[in-house]
Amino acid sequence: MGCRRRAPASELLRIVAVGNEAGFSLRPDPARRMPGRGANMHPDPACFAQAVRRRAFGRALRLAGVPDDGTLAEYLTR
């Protein structure tokens, strides 16, 4: 999503949007088991930064508005 490079699914991190009363938040799904529409990206902070700058999460996950990406950012920096 961020850098738009192709890679096997085993090398990518699946991202899922989870809804709550405040809107949507992005959650990592490394086990690829969470329900709902998912999007794949490289587990790299630079790829994440590009996706945020391009607002790619909303388009890829078909969300209205800008989702909260705090949990995902924390996961990628670890």
PDB file of N, CA and C in Angstrom:
ATOM      1  N   MET A   1       0.809  -1.193   0.000  1.00  0.00           N
ATOM      2  CA  MET A   1       0.000   0.000   0.000  1.00  0.00           C
ATOM      3  C   MET A   1       0.853   1.259   0.000  1.00  0.00           C
ATOM      4  N   GLY A   2       1.861   1.286   0.822  1.00  0.00           N
ATOM      5  CA  GLY A   2       2.656   2.505   0.925  1.00  0.00           C
ATOM      6  C   GLY A   2       3.617   2.681  -0.227  1.00  0.00           C
ATOM      7  N   CYS A   3       4.515   1.718  -0.372  1.00  0.00           N
ATOM      8  CA  CYS A   3       5.544   1.842  -1.411  1.00  0.00           C
ATOM      9  C   CYS A   3       5.080   1.270  -2.749  1.00  0.00           C
ATOM     10  N   ARG A   4       4.001   0.495  -2.735  1.00  0.00           N
ATOM     11  CA  ARG A   4       3.382  -0.090  -3.924  1.00  0.00           C
ATOM     12  C   ARG A   4       4.265  -1.128  -4.620  1.00  0.00           C
ATOM     13  N   ARG A   5       5.261  -1.658  -3.918  1.00  0.00           N
ATOM     14  CA  ARG A   5       6.078  -2.738  -4.469  1.00  0.00           C
ATOM     15  C   ARG A   5       5.371  -4.066  -4.256  1.00  0.00           C
ATOM     16  N   ARG A   6       5.557  -4.995  -5.140  1.00  0.00           N
ATOM     17  CA  ARG A   6       4.960  -6.315  -5.028  1.00  0.00           C
ATOM     18  C   ARG A   6       5.854  -7.212  -4.179  1.00  0.00           C
ATOM     19  N   ALA A   7       5.214  -8.107  -3.435  1.00  0.00           N
ATOM     20  CA  ALA A   7       5.931  -9.077  -2.618  1.00  0.00           C
ATOM     21  C   ALA A   7       4.980 -10.230  -2.323  1.00  0.00           C
ATOM     22  N   PRO A   8       5.518 -11.407  -1.991  1.00  0.00           N
ATOM     23  CA  PRO A   8       4.648 -12.520  -1.608  1.00  0.00           C
ATOM     24  C   PRO A   8       3.859 -12.160  -0.343  1.00  0.00           C
ATOM     25  N   ALA A   9       2.669 -12.724  -0.224  1.00  0.00           N
ATOM     26  CA  ALA A   9       1.813 -12.425   0.932  1.00  0.00           C
ATOM     27  C   ALA A   9       2.485 -12.777   2.252  1.00  0.00           C
ATOM     28  N   SER A  10       3.368 -13.757   2.250  1.00  0.00           N
ATOM     29  CA  SER A  10       4.051 -14.155   3.481  1.00  0.00           C
ATOM     30  C   SER A  10       4.996 -13.067   4.001  1.00  0.00           C
ATOM     31  N   GLU A  11       5.420 -12.148   3.142  1.00  0.00           N
ATOM     32  CA  GLU A  11       6.323 -11.067   3.549  1.00  0.00           C
ATOM     33  C   GLU A  11       5.578  -9.796   3.946  1.00  0.00           C
ATOM     34  N   LEU A  12       4.261  -9.759   3.737  1.00  0.00           N
ATOM     35  CA  LEU A  12       3.483  -8.554   3.996  1.00  0.00           C
ATOM     36  C   LEU A  12       2.700  -8.672   5.297  1.00  0.00           C
ATOM     37  N   LEU A  13       2.374  -7.534   5.870  1.00  0.00           N
ATOM     38  CA  LEU A  13       1.566  -7.461   7.082  1.00  0.00           C
ATOM     39  C   LEU A  13       0.139  -7.102   6.693  1.00  0.00           C
ATOM     40  N   ARG A  14      -0.826  -7.871   7.186  1.00  0.00           N
ATOM     41  CA  ARG A  14      -2.233  -7.582   6.901  1.00  0.00           C
ATOM     42  C   ARG A  14      -2.731  -6.539   7.901  1.00  0.00           C
ATOM     43  N   ILE A  15      -3.450  -5.549   7.404  1.00  0.00           N
ATOM     44  CA  ILE A  15      -4.016  -4.472   8.211  1.00  0.00           C
ATOM     45  C   ILE A  15      -5.537  -4.575   8.130  1.00  0.00           C
ATOM     46  N   VAL A  16      -6.215  -4.432   9.279  1.00  0.00           N
ATOM     47  CA  VAL A  16      -7.668  -4.497   9.345  1.00  0.00           C
ATOM     48  C   VAL A  16      -8.170  -3.262  10.071  1.00  0.00           C
ATOM     49  N   ALA A  17      -9.302  -2.725   9.633  1.00  0.00           N
ATOM     50  CA  ALA A  17      -9.940  -1.595  10.314  1.00  0.00           C
ATOM     51  C   ALA A  17     -10.981  -2.144  11.283  1.00  0.00           C
ATOM     52  N   VAL A  18     -10.869  -1.719  12.552  1.00  0.00           N
ATOM     53  CA  VAL A  18     -11.800  -2.145  13.589  1.00  0.00           C
ATOM     54  C   VAL A  18     -12.622  -0.931  13.992  1.00  0.00           C
ATOM     55  N   GLY A  19     -13.941  -1.061  13.934  1.00  0.00           N
ATOM     56  CA  GLY A  19     -14.832   0.044  14.256  1.00  0.00           C
ATOM     57  C   GLY A  19     -15.098   0.159  15.746  1.00  0.00           C
ATOM     58  N   ASN A  20     -15.207   1.395  16.216  1.00  0.00           N
ATOM     59  CA  ASN A  20     -15.595   1.679  17.598  1.00  0.00           C
ATOM     60  C   ASN A  20     -16.445   2.945  17.591  1.00  0.00           C
ATOM     61  N   GLU A  21     -16.821   3.438  18.767  1.00  0.00           N
ATOM     62  CA  GLU A  21     -17.703   4.604  18.824  1.00  0.00           C
ATOM     63  C   GLU A  21     -17.049   5.875  18.288  1.00  0.00           C
ATOM     64  N   ALA A  22     -15.732   5.934  18.272  1.00  0.00           N
ATOM     65  CA  ALA A  22     -15.029   7.122  17.791  1.00  0.00           C
ATOM     66  C   ALA A  22     -14.721   7.062  16.296  1.00  0.00           C
ATOM     67  N   GLY A  23     -14.977   5.941  15.652  1.00  0.00           N
ATOM     68  CA  GLY A  23     -14.661   5.799  14.231  1.00  0.00           C
ATOM     69  C   GLY A  23     -13.986   4.460  13.990  1.00  0.00           C
ATOM     70  N   PHE A  24     -12.948   4.469  13.189  1.00  0.00           N
ATOM     71  CA  PHE A  24     -12.206   3.253  12.877  1.00  0.00           C
ATOM     72  C   PHE A  24     -10.758   3.403  13.322  1.00  0.00           C
ATOM     73  N   SER A  25     -10.185   2.284  13.774  1.00  0.00           N
ATOM     74  CA  SER A  25      -8.764   2.265  14.085  1.00  0.00           C
ATOM     75  C   SER A  25      -8.126   1.116  13.318  1.00  0.00           C
ATOM     76  N   LEU A  26      -6.890   1.303  12.922  1.00  0.00           N
ATOM     77  CA  LEU A  26      -6.158   0.302  12.153  1.00  0.00           C
ATOM     78  C   LEU A  26      -5.438  -0.633  13.107  1.00  0.00           C
ATOM     79  N   ARG A  27      -5.564  -1.915  12.855  1.00  0.00           N
ATOM     80  CA  ARG A  27      -4.924  -2.925  13.689  1.00  0.00           C
ATOM     81  C   ARG A  27      -4.103  -3.862  12.820  1.00  0.00           C
ATOM     82  N   PRO A  28      -2.911  -4.244  13.298  1.00  0.00           N
ATOM     83  CA  PRO A  28      -2.130  -5.242  12.568  1.00  0.00           C
ATOM     84  C   PRO A  28      -2.741  -6.625  12.767  1.00  0.00           C
ATOM     85  N   ASP A  29      -2.654  -7.452  11.767  1.00  0.00           N
ATOM     86  CA  ASP A  29      -3.173  -8.820  11.829  1.00  0.00           C
ATOM     87  C   ASP A  29      -2.103  -9.771  11.310  1.00  0.00           C
ATOM     88  N   PRO A  30      -1.033  -9.977  12.091  1.00  0.00           N
ATOM     89  CA  PRO A  30       0.056 -10.833  11.597  1.00  0.00           C
ATOM     90  C   PRO A  30      -0.366 -12.288  11.395  1.00  0.00           C
ATOM     91  N   ALA A  31      -1.367 -12.767  12.131  1.00  0.00           N
ATOM     92  CA  ALA A  31      -1.826 -14.146  11.975  1.00  0.00           C
ATOM     93  C   ALA A  31      -2.801 -14.288  10.804  1.00  0.00           C
ATOM     94  N   ARG A  32      -3.254 -13.168  10.246  1.00  0.00           N
ATOM     95  CA  ARG A  32      -4.167 -13.138   9.107  1.00  0.00           C
ATOM     96  C   ARG A  32      -5.480 -13.857   9.419  1.00  0.00           C
ATOM     97  N   ARG A  33      -6.020 -13.613  10.615  1.00  0.00           N
ATOM     98  CA  ARG A  33      -7.221 -14.306  11.053  1.00  0.00           C
ATOM     99  C   ARG A  33      -8.391 -13.374  11.393  1.00  0.00           C
ATOM    100  N   MET A  34      -8.167 -12.079  11.532  1.00  0.00           N
ATOM    101  CA  MET A  34      -9.235 -11.167  11.919  1.00  0.00           C
ATOM    102  C   MET A  34     -10.265 -11.049  10.801  1.00  0.00           C
ATOM    103  N   PRO A  35     -11.547 -10.913  11.168  1.00  0.00           N
ATOM    104  CA  PRO A  35     -12.582 -10.800  10.140  1.00  0.00           C
ATOM    105  C   PRO A  35     -12.584  -9.425   9.486  1.00  0.00           C
ATOM    106  N   GLY A  36     -13.164  -9.369   8.316  1.00  0.00           N
ATOM    107  CA  GLY A  36     -13.316  -8.093   7.622  1.00  0.00           C
ATOM    108  C   GLY A  36     -12.334  -7.919   6.497  1.00  0.00           C
ATOM    109  N   ARG A  37     -12.509  -6.815   5.813  1.00  0.00           N
ATOM    110  CA  ARG A  37     -11.655  -6.477   4.681  1.00  0.00           C
ATOM    111  C   ARG A  37     -10.264  -6.115   5.190  1.00  0.00           C
ATOM    112  N   GLY A  38      -9.257  -6.613   4.550  1.00  0.00           N
ATOM    113  CA  GLY A  38      -7.884  -6.337   4.950  1.00  0.00           C
ATOM    114  C   GLY A  38      -7.090  -5.731   3.812  1.00  0.00           C
ATOM    115  N   ALA A  39      -5.984  -5.119   4.162  1.00  0.00           N
ATOM    116  CA  ALA A  39      -5.055  -4.563   3.183  1.00  0.00           C
ATOM    117  C   ALA A  39      -3.652  -5.011   3.593  1.00  0.00           C
ATOM    118  N   ASN A  40      -2.779  -5.174   2.631  1.00  0.00           N
ATOM    119  CA  ASN A  40      -1.422  -5.644   2.900  1.00  0.00           C
ATOM    120  C   ASN A  40      -0.405  -4.547   2.649  1.00  0.00           C
ATOM    121  N   MET A  41       0.625  -4.543   3.492  1.00  0.00           N
ATOM    122  CA  MET A  41       1.734  -3.612   3.309  1.00  0.00           C
ATOM    123  C   MET A  41       2.987  -4.234   3.897  1.00  0.00           C
ATOM    124  N   HIS A  42       4.139  -3.715   3.502  1.00  0.00           N
ATOM    125  CA  HIS A  42       5.394  -4.177   4.078  1.00  0.00           C
ATOM    126  C   HIS A  42       5.453  -3.751   5.543  1.00  0.00           C
ATOM    127  N   PRO A  43       5.958  -4.600   6.429  1.00  0.00           N
ATOM    128  CA  PRO A  43       6.065  -4.220   7.840  1.00  0.00           C
ATOM    129  C   PRO A  43       7.264  -3.298   8.070  1.00  0.00           C
ATOM    130  N   ASP A  44       7.246  -2.163   7.439  1.00  0.00           N
ATOM    131  CA  ASP A  44       8.352  -1.212   7.457  1.00  0.00           C
ATOM    132  C   ASP A  44       7.803   0.179   7.780  1.00  0.00           C
ATOM    133  N   PRO A  45       8.399   0.892   8.736  1.00  0.00           N
ATOM    134  CA  PRO A  45       7.903   2.231   9.075  1.00  0.00           C
ATOM    135  C   PRO A  45       7.906   3.201   7.884  1.00  0.00           C
ATOM    136  N   ALA A  46       8.838   3.062   6.955  1.00  0.00           N
ATOM    137  CA  ALA A  46       8.875   3.945   5.785  1.00  0.00           C
ATOM    138  C   ALA A  46       7.683   3.682   4.875  1.00  0.00           C
ATOM    139  N   CYS A  47       7.327   2.439   4.691  1.00  0.00           N
ATOM    140  CA  CYS A  47       6.162   2.086   3.877  1.00  0.00           C
ATOM    141  C   CYS A  47       4.888   2.596   4.558  1.00  0.00           C
ATOM    142  N   PHE A  48       4.825   2.477   5.880  1.00  0.00           N
ATOM    143  CA  PHE A  48       3.689   2.988   6.642  1.00  0.00           C
ATOM    144  C   PHE A  48       3.562   4.503   6.483  1.00  0.00           C
ATOM    145  N   ALA A  49       4.676   5.216   6.564  1.00  0.00           N
ATOM    146  CA  ALA A  49       4.655   6.682   6.431  1.00  0.00           C
ATOM    147  C   ALA A  49       4.144   7.098   5.048  1.00  0.00           C
ATOM    148  N   GLN A  50       4.555   6.383   4.018  1.00  0.00           N
ATOM    149  CA  GLN A  50       4.067   6.693   2.672  1.00  0.00           C
ATOM    150  C   GLN A  50       2.571   6.453   2.559  1.00  0.00           C
ATOM    151  N   ALA A  51       2.079   5.369   3.158  1.00  0.00           N
ATOM    152  CA  ALA A  51       0.647   5.060   3.099  1.00  0.00           C
ATOM    153  C   ALA A  51      -0.170   6.124   3.828  1.00  0.00           C
ATOM    154  N   VAL A  52       0.339   6.605   4.955  1.00  0.00           N
ATOM    155  CA  VAL A  52      -0.363   7.658   5.700  1.00  0.00           C
ATOM    156  C   VAL A  52      -0.371   8.952   4.893  1.00  0.00           C
ATOM    157  N   ARG A  53       0.756   9.305   4.316  1.00  0.00           N
ATOM    158  CA  ARG A  53       0.857  10.534   3.535  1.00  0.00           C
ATOM    159  C   ARG A  53      -0.072  10.507   2.324  1.00  0.00           C
ATOM    160  N   ARG A  54      -0.211   9.346   1.683  1.00  0.00           N
ATOM    161  CA  ARG A  54      -1.074   9.212   0.508  1.00  0.00           C
ATOM    162  C   ARG A  54      -2.522   8.921   0.870  1.00  0.00           C
ATOM    163  N   ARG A  55      -2.811   8.740   2.159  1.00  0.00           N
ATOM    164  CA  ARG A  55      -4.160   8.380   2.646  1.00  0.00           C
ATOM    165  C   ARG A  55      -4.651   7.094   1.987  1.00  0.00           C
ATOM    166  N   ALA A  56      -3.770   6.126   1.894  1.00  0.00           N
ATOM    167  CA  ALA A  56      -4.065   4.874   1.211  1.00  0.00           C
ATOM    168  C   ALA A  56      -4.941   3.937   2.033  1.00  0.00           C
ATOM    169  N   PHE A  57      -4.926   4.050   3.356  1.00  0.00           N
ATOM    170  CA  PHE A  57      -5.704   3.128   4.188  1.00  0.00           C
ATOM    171  C   PHE A  57      -7.200   3.274   3.951  1.00  0.00           C
ATOM    172  N   GLY A  58      -7.681   4.485   3.867  1.00  0.00           N
ATOM    173  CA  GLY A  58      -9.106   4.716   3.640  1.00  0.00           C
ATOM    174  C   GLY A  58      -9.587   4.135   2.327  1.00  0.00           C
ATOM    175  N   ARG A  59      -8.786   4.295   1.283  1.00  0.00           N
ATOM    176  CA  ARG A  59      -9.160   3.754  -0.026  1.00  0.00           C
ATOM    177  C   ARG A  59      -9.078   2.229  -0.055  1.00  0.00           C
ATOM    178  N   ALA A  60      -7.999   1.682   0.482  1.00  0.00           N
ATOM    179  CA  ALA A  60      -7.803   0.230   0.430  1.00  0.00           C
ATOM    180  C   ALA A  60      -8.829  -0.517   1.274  1.00  0.00           C
ATOM    181  N   LEU A  61      -9.210   0.064   2.397  1.00  0.00           N
ATOM    182  CA  LEU A  61     -10.160  -0.596   3.297  1.00  0.00           C
ATOM    183  C   LEU A  61     -11.590  -0.115   3.093  1.00  0.00           C
ATOM    184  N   ARG A  62     -11.778   0.792   2.132  1.00  0.00           N
ATOM    185  CA  ARG A  62     -13.094   1.351   1.804  1.00  0.00           C
ATOM    186  C   ARG A  62     -13.762   1.988   3.016  1.00  0.00           C
ATOM    187  N   LEU A  63     -13.048   2.933   3.625  1.00  0.00           N
ATOM    188  CA  LEU A  63     -13.544   3.635   4.802  1.00  0.00           C
ATOM    189  C   LEU A  63     -13.849   5.081   4.463  1.00  0.00           C
ATOM    190  N   ALA A  64     -14.862   5.626   5.095  1.00  0.00           N
ATOM    191  CA  ALA A  64     -15.153   7.052   4.968  1.00  0.00           C
ATOM    192  C   ALA A  64     -14.412   7.759   6.103  1.00  0.00           C
ATOM    193  N   GLY A  65     -13.647   8.766   5.780  1.00  0.00           N
ATOM    194  CA  GLY A  65     -12.884   9.483   6.792  1.00  0.00           C
ATOM    195  C   GLY A  65     -11.491   8.917   6.955  1.00  0.00           C
ATOM    196  N   VAL A  66     -10.778   9.454   7.917  1.00  0.00           N
ATOM    197  CA  VAL A  66      -9.394   9.057   8.181  1.00  0.00           C
ATOM    198  C   VAL A  66      -9.367   8.161   9.418  1.00  0.00           C
ATOM    199  N   PRO A  67      -8.907   6.918   9.299  1.00  0.00           N
ATOM    200  CA  PRO A  67      -8.860   6.028  10.461  1.00  0.00           C
ATOM    201  C   PRO A  67      -7.712   6.389  11.407  1.00  0.00           C
ATOM    202  N   ASP A  68      -7.852   6.019  12.675  1.00  0.00           N
ATOM    203  CA  ASP A  68      -6.814   6.228  13.673  1.00  0.00           C
ATOM    204  C   ASP A  68      -5.712   5.196  13.440  1.00  0.00           C
ATOM    205  N   ASP A  69      -4.478   5.650  13.274  1.00  0.00           N
ATOM    206  CA  ASP A  69      -3.382   4.739  12.972  1.00  0.00           C
ATOM    207  C   ASP A  69      -2.378   4.605  14.114  1.00  0.00           C
ATOM    208  N   GLY A  70      -2.730   5.030  15.314  1.00  0.00           N
ATOM    209  CA  GLY A  70      -1.810   4.994  16.458  1.00  0.00           C
ATOM    210  C   GLY A  70      -1.370   3.597  16.839  1.00  0.00           C
ATOM    211  N   THR A  71      -2.292   2.648  16.900  1.00  0.00           N
ATOM    212  CA  THR A  71      -1.965   1.271  17.279  1.00  0.00           C
ATOM    213  C   THR A  71      -1.040   0.635  16.248  1.00  0.00           C
ATOM    214  N   LEU A  72      -1.313   0.881  14.997  1.00  0.00           N
ATOM    215  CA  LEU A  72      -0.479   0.330  13.929  1.00  0.00           C
ATOM    216  C   LEU A  72       0.920   0.946  13.943  1.00  0.00           C
ATOM    217  N   ALA A  73       1.009   2.243  14.165  1.00  0.00           N
ATOM    218  CA  ALA A  73       2.316   2.912  14.226  1.00  0.00           C
ATOM    219  C   ALA A  73       3.149   2.362  15.382  1.00  0.00           C
ATOM    220  N   GLU A  74       2.508   2.137  16.518  1.00  0.00           N
ATOM    221  CA  GLU A  74       3.211   1.578  17.678  1.00  0.00           C
ATOM    222  C   GLU A  74       3.714   0.168  17.384  1.00  0.00           C
ATOM    223  N   TYR A  75       2.901  -0.626  16.720  1.00  0.00           N
ATOM    224  CA  TYR A  75       3.282  -1.980  16.373  1.00  0.00           C
ATOM    225  C   TYR A  75       4.498  -1.988  15.441  1.00  0.00           C
ATOM    226  N   LEU A  76       4.521  -1.108  14.461  1.00  0.00           N
ATOM    227  CA  LEU A  76       5.607  -1.083  13.474  1.00  0.00           C
ATOM    228  C   LEU A  76       6.910  -0.551  14.044  1.00  0.00           C
ATOM    229  N   THR A  77       6.863   0.274  15.066  1.00  0.00           N
ATOM    230  CA  THR A  77       8.100   0.810  15.634  1.00  0.00           C
ATOM    231  C   THR A  77       8.748  -0.162  16.619  1.00  0.00           C
ATOM    232  N   ARG A  78       8.015  -1.193  17.013  1.00  0.00           N
ATOM    233  CA  ARG A  78       8.613  -2.194  17.901  1.00  0.00           C
ATOM    234  C   ARG A  78       9.438  -3.171  17.139  1.00  0.00           C
TER     235      ARG A  78
END
